[in-house]
Amino acid sequence: MIGHEKIIADLQGLHERGVLSHGYIFHGPAMVGKKLAALSFANLLEKGEFGEDGILSDLMLVAPGGPGAGSIGIDAVREIRNFLWQKPNASVRRTLVIDDAELLTTEAQNALLKVTEEPPVSSLLILVTSDAESILPTIVSRLPKIYFGSVPEKEIAKWLGEDGAAKDTKDIASRAMGKPGLAWRLLYDKDFQKQLELAARLLKTPAATRRDVIKKIIEPDAFNFRKFLDAVIINLAWEGAAKNKVALWHKALQLYDRETNFSLNPRLQLENLLL
């Protein structure tokens, strides 16, 4: 956990003084450490140390699951209610962490609103999101927001060196764009690396043949449109300030936002974006 020392100290102070809220929204850019902070804080409540330390009996992590899964539905919220209404086994709170909370369906958010209105005394709800505006205002009004910003490049390079990364830490840190999670994935996440390579190949393909490449990319059953869009956006960000790339980057970001809220046809959307 790097780059958010003040936030960590503030959370620890709230816990020590016994004045924690019933819930929080951890928001900010993707891959800067929001989820890790939430899980590490749950570890503090149960085991007394801030950090990831194995399985916790009073922690529940909810996230979109399965290939192509693009939302968190009402069934997940029913499980959340059952979890939070039980008394803690070893912790001072039963902690519920919802990752990618922007992917909660409207139905799920309405159900979750009831939890925020009448939370169990021994519960803690943490919504982790890169798009706080996608959360219902009625939920946001009940949960304090904590912003996680980008981490300085020097801190990421130092961390990679301490982690024993064999590759050029300065190059990886510069490509990470202030996101430790991105740096880690560039080094160790094979599936993510494959998505980046596919996106780079598509962007370099002449417009006349891009349609065929798009068909091949989306063909596998495990294709995840959101993850691939993420890889496209990162590649465009790396390409710098060329006017045509900046415009395309903005269009890709808008498509990424729409994909969160609507069921879109990947082939048609990618063709519309890139042809």
Protein backbone atom coordinates (compact mmCIF):
# COMPACT_ATOMS: atom_id res chain seq x y z
CA MET A 1 0.00 0.00 0.00
CA ILE A 2 1.78 3.14 -1.18
CA GLY A 3 0.92 6.78 -1.71
CA HIS A 4 -2.05 7.17 0.63
CA GLU A 5 -0.41 7.44 4.04
CA LYS A 6 -2.61 10.32 5.25
CA ILE A 7 -5.82 8.51 4.36
CA ILE A 8 -4.61 5.40 6.16
CA ALA A 9 -3.64 7.41 9.24
CA ASP A 10 -7.03 9.18 9.25
CA LEU A 11 -8.92 5.87 9.04
CA GLN A 12 -6.83 4.38 11.82
CA GLY A 13 -7.49 7.46 13.94
CA LEU A 14 -11.25 7.20 13.43
CA HIS A 15 -11.11 3.55 14.47
CA GLU A 16 -9.01 4.24 17.56
CA ARG A 17 -11.37 7.01 18.68
CA GLY A 18 -14.43 4.82 18.03
CA VAL A 19 -16.01 7.32 15.65
CA LEU A 20 -16.13 5.36 12.38
CA SER A 21 -19.08 6.06 10.12
CA HIS A 22 -21.37 3.18 9.13
CA GLY A 23 -19.95 3.40 5.62
CA TYR A 24 -17.67 5.19 3.15
CA ILE A 25 -17.19 5.70 -0.57
CA PHE A 26 -13.60 5.22 -1.70
CA HIS A 27 -13.40 6.98 -5.07
CA GLY A 28 -10.73 8.11 -7.51
CA PRO A 29 -8.89 6.82 -10.59
CA ALA A 30 -8.80 3.09 -11.24
CA MET A 31 -5.90 1.01 -9.93
CA VAL A 32 -4.54 3.53 -7.40
CA GLY A 33 -5.17 1.34 -4.33
CA LYS A 34 -8.80 1.94 -3.29
CA LYS A 35 -9.79 -1.71 -2.99
CA LEU A 36 -6.52 -2.64 -1.31
CA ALA A 37 -7.10 0.12 1.25
CA ALA A 38 -10.61 -1.19 1.97
CA LEU A 39 -9.44 -4.78 2.42
CA SER A 40 -6.45 -3.70 4.51
CA PHE A 41 -8.72 -1.66 6.76
CA ALA A 42 -10.99 -4.67 7.26
CA ASN A 43 -7.87 -6.56 8.33
CA LEU A 44 -7.12 -3.83 10.87
CA LEU A 45 -10.59 -4.14 12.38
CA GLU A 46 -10.31 -7.92 12.70
CA LYS A 47 -6.61 -8.60 13.30
CA GLY A 48 -5.27 -5.28 14.53
CA GLU A 49 -2.90 -4.62 11.61
CA PHE A 50 -3.43 -2.53 8.48
CA GLY A 51 -2.67 -4.78 5.51
CA GLU A 52 -3.77 -7.94 3.73
CA ASP A 53 -3.23 -10.94 5.98
CA GLY A 54 -5.14 -13.94 4.70
CA ILE A 55 -8.82 -14.82 5.02
CA LEU A 56 -11.04 -12.74 7.30
CA SER A 57 -14.17 -14.18 8.89
CA ASP A 58 -15.96 -10.81 9.04
CA LEU A 59 -15.22 -9.53 5.53
CA MET A 60 -17.33 -9.91 2.40
CA LEU A 61 -16.05 -8.71 -0.99
CA VAL A 62 -18.59 -8.20 -3.77
CA ALA A 63 -17.57 -7.54 -7.39
CA PRO A 64 -18.81 -8.33 -10.90
CA GLY A 65 -18.08 -12.00 -11.42
CA GLY A 66 -17.59 -14.39 -14.31
CA PRO A 67 -16.53 -13.85 -17.92
CA GLY A 68 -18.40 -10.97 -19.51
CA ALA A 69 -20.17 -10.06 -16.28
CA GLY A 70 -20.85 -6.35 -16.43
CA SER A 71 -23.01 -5.60 -13.42
CA ILE A 72 -23.77 -6.33 -9.77
CA GLY A 73 -27.42 -7.23 -9.36
CA ILE A 74 -30.13 -7.49 -6.75
CA ASP A 75 -29.16 -11.04 -5.73
CA ALA A 76 -25.79 -9.77 -4.51
CA VAL A 77 -27.51 -7.16 -2.35
CA ARG A 78 -29.69 -9.84 -0.76
CA GLU A 79 -26.52 -11.71 0.22
CA ILE A 80 -25.09 -8.44 1.54
CA ARG A 81 -28.07 -7.91 3.82
CA ASN A 82 -27.77 -11.44 5.21
CA PHE A 83 -24.06 -10.92 5.85
CA LEU A 84 -24.30 -7.52 7.52
CA TRP A 85 -27.17 -8.45 9.83
CA GLN A 86 -25.12 -11.15 11.50
CA LYS A 87 -22.95 -10.31 14.50
CA PRO A 88 -19.17 -10.20 13.98
CA ASN A 89 -17.19 -13.32 14.84
CA ALA A 90 -13.77 -11.80 15.48
CA SER A 91 -13.90 -8.16 14.36
CA VAL A 92 -15.45 -5.02 15.78
CA ARG A 93 -17.41 -4.67 12.51
CA ARG A 94 -18.68 -6.91 9.74
CA THR A 95 -17.12 -5.20 6.72
CA LEU A 96 -18.72 -5.29 3.29
CA VAL A 97 -16.58 -4.06 0.37
CA ILE A 98 -18.24 -3.54 -3.02
CA ASP A 99 -15.61 -3.21 -5.75
CA ASP A 100 -16.52 -1.49 -9.03
CA ALA A 101 -19.60 -0.13 -7.29
CA GLU A 102 -20.45 1.87 -10.41
CA LEU A 103 -21.58 -1.48 -11.86
CA LEU A 104 -24.41 -1.87 -9.34
CA THR A 105 -27.69 -1.98 -11.24
CA THR A 106 -30.33 0.62 -10.41
CA GLU A 107 -32.40 -2.12 -8.74
CA ALA A 108 -29.41 -3.18 -6.66
CA GLN A 109 -28.64 0.40 -5.66
CA ASN A 110 -32.22 0.97 -4.54
CA ALA A 111 -32.01 -2.16 -2.40
CA LEU A 112 -28.64 -1.04 -1.03
CA LEU A 113 -30.15 2.32 -0.10
CA LYS A 114 -32.22 0.57 2.57
CA VAL A 115 -29.00 -0.77 4.08
CA THR A 116 -27.49 2.72 4.26
CA GLU A 117 -30.68 4.13 5.79
CA GLU A 118 -30.85 1.60 8.63
CA PRO A 119 -27.40 0.00 8.93
CA PRO A 120 -26.70 -2.57 11.65
CA VAL A 121 -24.60 -1.07 14.43
CA SER A 122 -21.83 -3.62 13.92
CA SER A 123 -21.55 -3.15 10.13
CA LEU A 124 -19.24 -1.20 7.85
CA LEU A 125 -20.02 -0.67 4.16
CA ILE A 126 -17.30 0.50 1.75
CA LEU A 127 -18.15 1.27 -1.87
CA VAL A 128 -15.08 1.32 -4.14
CA THR A 129 -15.57 3.17 -7.41
CA SER A 130 -13.81 5.12 -10.13
CA ASP A 131 -17.07 6.91 -10.95
CA ALA A 132 -18.81 8.24 -7.84
CA GLU A 133 -21.34 10.11 -10.00
CA SER A 134 -22.82 6.77 -11.07
CA ILE A 135 -23.92 6.07 -7.49
CA LEU A 136 -27.40 7.24 -6.53
CA PRO A 137 -27.30 10.68 -4.85
CA THR A 138 -29.42 9.28 -2.02
CA ILE A 139 -26.67 6.73 -1.26
CA VAL A 140 -23.86 9.27 -1.66
CA SER A 141 -25.56 11.62 0.80
CA ARG A 142 -25.41 8.93 3.50
CA LEU A 143 -21.77 7.86 3.04
CA PRO A 144 -18.68 10.09 3.51
CA LYS A 145 -16.49 10.17 0.40
CA ILE A 146 -12.72 9.61 0.56
CA TYR A 147 -10.73 10.49 -2.55
CA PHE A 148 -7.72 8.42 -3.61
CA GLY A 149 -5.52 10.30 -6.08
CA SER A 150 -2.64 9.24 -8.30
CA VAL A 151 0.63 8.10 -6.72
CA PRO A 152 3.89 9.91 -7.63
CA GLU A 153 5.98 8.10 -10.23
CA LYS A 154 9.04 8.02 -7.94
CA GLU A 155 7.08 6.18 -5.24
CA ILE A 156 5.88 3.59 -7.74
CA ALA A 157 9.43 3.04 -9.07
CA LYS A 158 10.77 2.64 -5.52
CA TRP A 159 8.00 0.17 -4.67
CA LEU A 160 8.68 -1.89 -7.79
CA GLY A 161 12.36 -2.03 -6.87
CA GLU A 162 11.52 -3.24 -3.38
CA ASP A 163 9.17 -5.83 -4.90
CA GLY A 164 12.10 -7.31 -6.81
CA ALA A 165 10.76 -6.52 -10.26
CA ALA A 166 13.29 -7.69 -12.85
CA LYS A 167 12.29 -5.22 -15.55
CA ASP A 168 13.16 -1.52 -15.82
CA THR A 169 11.27 -0.05 -12.88
CA LYS A 170 11.52 3.53 -14.18
CA ASP A 171 9.95 2.57 -17.52
CA ILE A 172 7.13 0.62 -15.88
CA ALA A 173 6.53 3.42 -13.37
CA SER A 174 6.31 6.02 -16.13
CA ARG A 175 3.82 3.90 -18.09
CA ALA A 176 1.72 3.33 -14.95
CA MET A 177 0.39 6.91 -15.03
CA GLY A 178 0.29 7.23 -11.24
CA LYS A 179 -1.45 3.86 -10.75
CA PRO A 180 0.40 1.22 -8.69
CA GLY A 181 -2.18 -1.36 -9.71
CA LEU A 182 -1.43 -0.71 -13.38
CA ALA A 183 2.30 -1.08 -12.73
CA TRP A 184 1.71 -4.44 -11.06
CA ARG A 185 -0.51 -5.65 -13.90
CA LEU A 186 2.04 -4.57 -16.50
CA LEU A 187 4.54 -6.85 -14.79
CA TYR A 188 2.51 -9.83 -13.65
CA ASP A 189 -1.02 -9.99 -15.15
CA LYS A 190 -0.74 -12.12 -18.31
CA ASP A 191 -4.39 -11.70 -19.31
CA PHE A 192 -4.15 -7.93 -18.95
CA GLN A 193 -0.95 -7.87 -21.02
CA LYS A 194 -2.73 -9.86 -23.73
CA GLN A 195 -5.60 -7.34 -23.77
CA LEU A 196 -3.12 -4.48 -24.13
CA GLU A 197 -1.40 -6.26 -27.03
CA LEU A 198 -4.72 -6.90 -28.79
CA ALA A 199 -5.79 -3.28 -28.33
CA ALA A 200 -2.43 -2.00 -29.63
CA ARG A 201 -2.67 -4.27 -32.66
CA LEU A 202 -6.19 -3.07 -33.42
CA LEU A 203 -5.22 0.60 -33.15
CA LYS A 204 -2.27 0.07 -35.53
CA THR A 205 -4.34 -1.85 -38.07
CA PRO A 206 -5.30 0.20 -41.16
CA ALA A 207 -8.93 1.33 -41.06
CA ALA A 208 -9.75 -0.73 -44.16
CA THR A 209 -9.05 -4.01 -42.36
CA ARG A 210 -10.05 -3.14 -38.80
CA ARG A 211 -13.49 -4.69 -39.15
CA ASP A 212 -12.00 -8.16 -39.65
CA VAL A 213 -9.64 -7.72 -36.68
CA ILE A 214 -12.55 -6.62 -34.45
CA LYS A 215 -14.49 -9.77 -35.37
CA LYS A 216 -11.56 -11.99 -34.35
CA ILE A 217 -10.99 -10.12 -31.08
CA ILE A 218 -14.58 -10.38 -29.86
CA GLU A 219 -15.04 -14.00 -31.03
CA PRO A 220 -13.90 -15.86 -27.85
CA ASP A 221 -16.67 -16.66 -25.33
CA ALA A 222 -14.53 -15.17 -22.56
CA PHE A 223 -14.29 -11.77 -24.30
CA ASN A 224 -15.00 -8.95 -21.84
CA PHE A 225 -15.94 -5.71 -23.57
CA ARG A 226 -15.25 -3.52 -20.54
CA LYS A 227 -11.75 -4.95 -20.00
CA PHE A 228 -10.89 -4.57 -23.66
CA LEU A 229 -12.11 -0.97 -23.71
CA ASP A 230 -9.91 -0.34 -20.69
CA ALA A 231 -6.92 -1.65 -22.68
CA VAL A 232 -7.83 0.57 -25.65
CA ILE A 233 -8.04 3.64 -23.40
CA ILE A 234 -4.66 2.91 -21.80
CA ASN A 235 -3.00 2.47 -25.20
CA LEU A 236 -4.47 5.76 -26.41
CA ALA A 237 -3.25 7.52 -23.27
CA TRP A 238 0.28 6.22 -23.92
CA GLU A 239 0.23 7.54 -27.48
CA GLY A 240 0.37 11.13 -26.23
CA ALA A 241 -1.02 14.43 -27.37
CA ALA A 242 -1.72 13.95 -31.08
CA LYS A 243 -5.03 15.71 -31.70
CA ASN A 244 -6.67 12.76 -33.45
CA LYS A 245 -5.65 10.44 -30.60
CA VAL A 246 -6.93 12.79 -27.91
CA ALA A 247 -10.32 12.99 -29.62
CA LEU A 248 -10.44 9.20 -29.96
CA TRP A 249 -9.41 8.80 -26.30
CA HIS A 250 -12.33 11.00 -25.22
CA LYS A 251 -14.73 9.00 -27.39
CA ALA A 252 -13.42 5.74 -25.88
CA LEU A 253 -13.96 7.13 -22.37
CA GLN A 254 -17.54 8.07 -23.24
CA LEU A 255 -18.14 4.59 -24.63
CA TYR A 256 -16.70 3.09 -21.43
CA ASP A 257 -19.19 5.11 -19.39
CA ARG A 258 -22.10 4.06 -21.60
CA GLU A 259 -21.07 0.42 -21.36
CA THR A 260 -21.51 0.67 -17.59
CA ASN A 261 -25.17 1.60 -17.90
CA PHE A 262 -26.35 -0.04 -21.12
CA SER A 263 -26.14 -3.41 -22.81
CA LEU A 264 -24.12 -2.63 -25.94
CA ASN A 265 -23.09 -4.69 -28.95
CA PRO A 266 -19.26 -4.83 -28.75
CA ARG A 267 -18.70 -5.31 -32.49
CA LEU A 268 -20.93 -2.42 -33.54
CA GLN A 269 -19.57 -0.11 -30.84
CA LEU A 270 -15.92 -0.84 -31.69
CA GLU A 271 -16.59 -0.39 -35.40
CA ASN A 272 -18.34 2.89 -34.72
CA LEU A 273 -15.42 4.02 -32.55
CA LEU A 274 -12.55 3.00 -34.80
CA LEU A 275 -13.72 2.90 -38.42
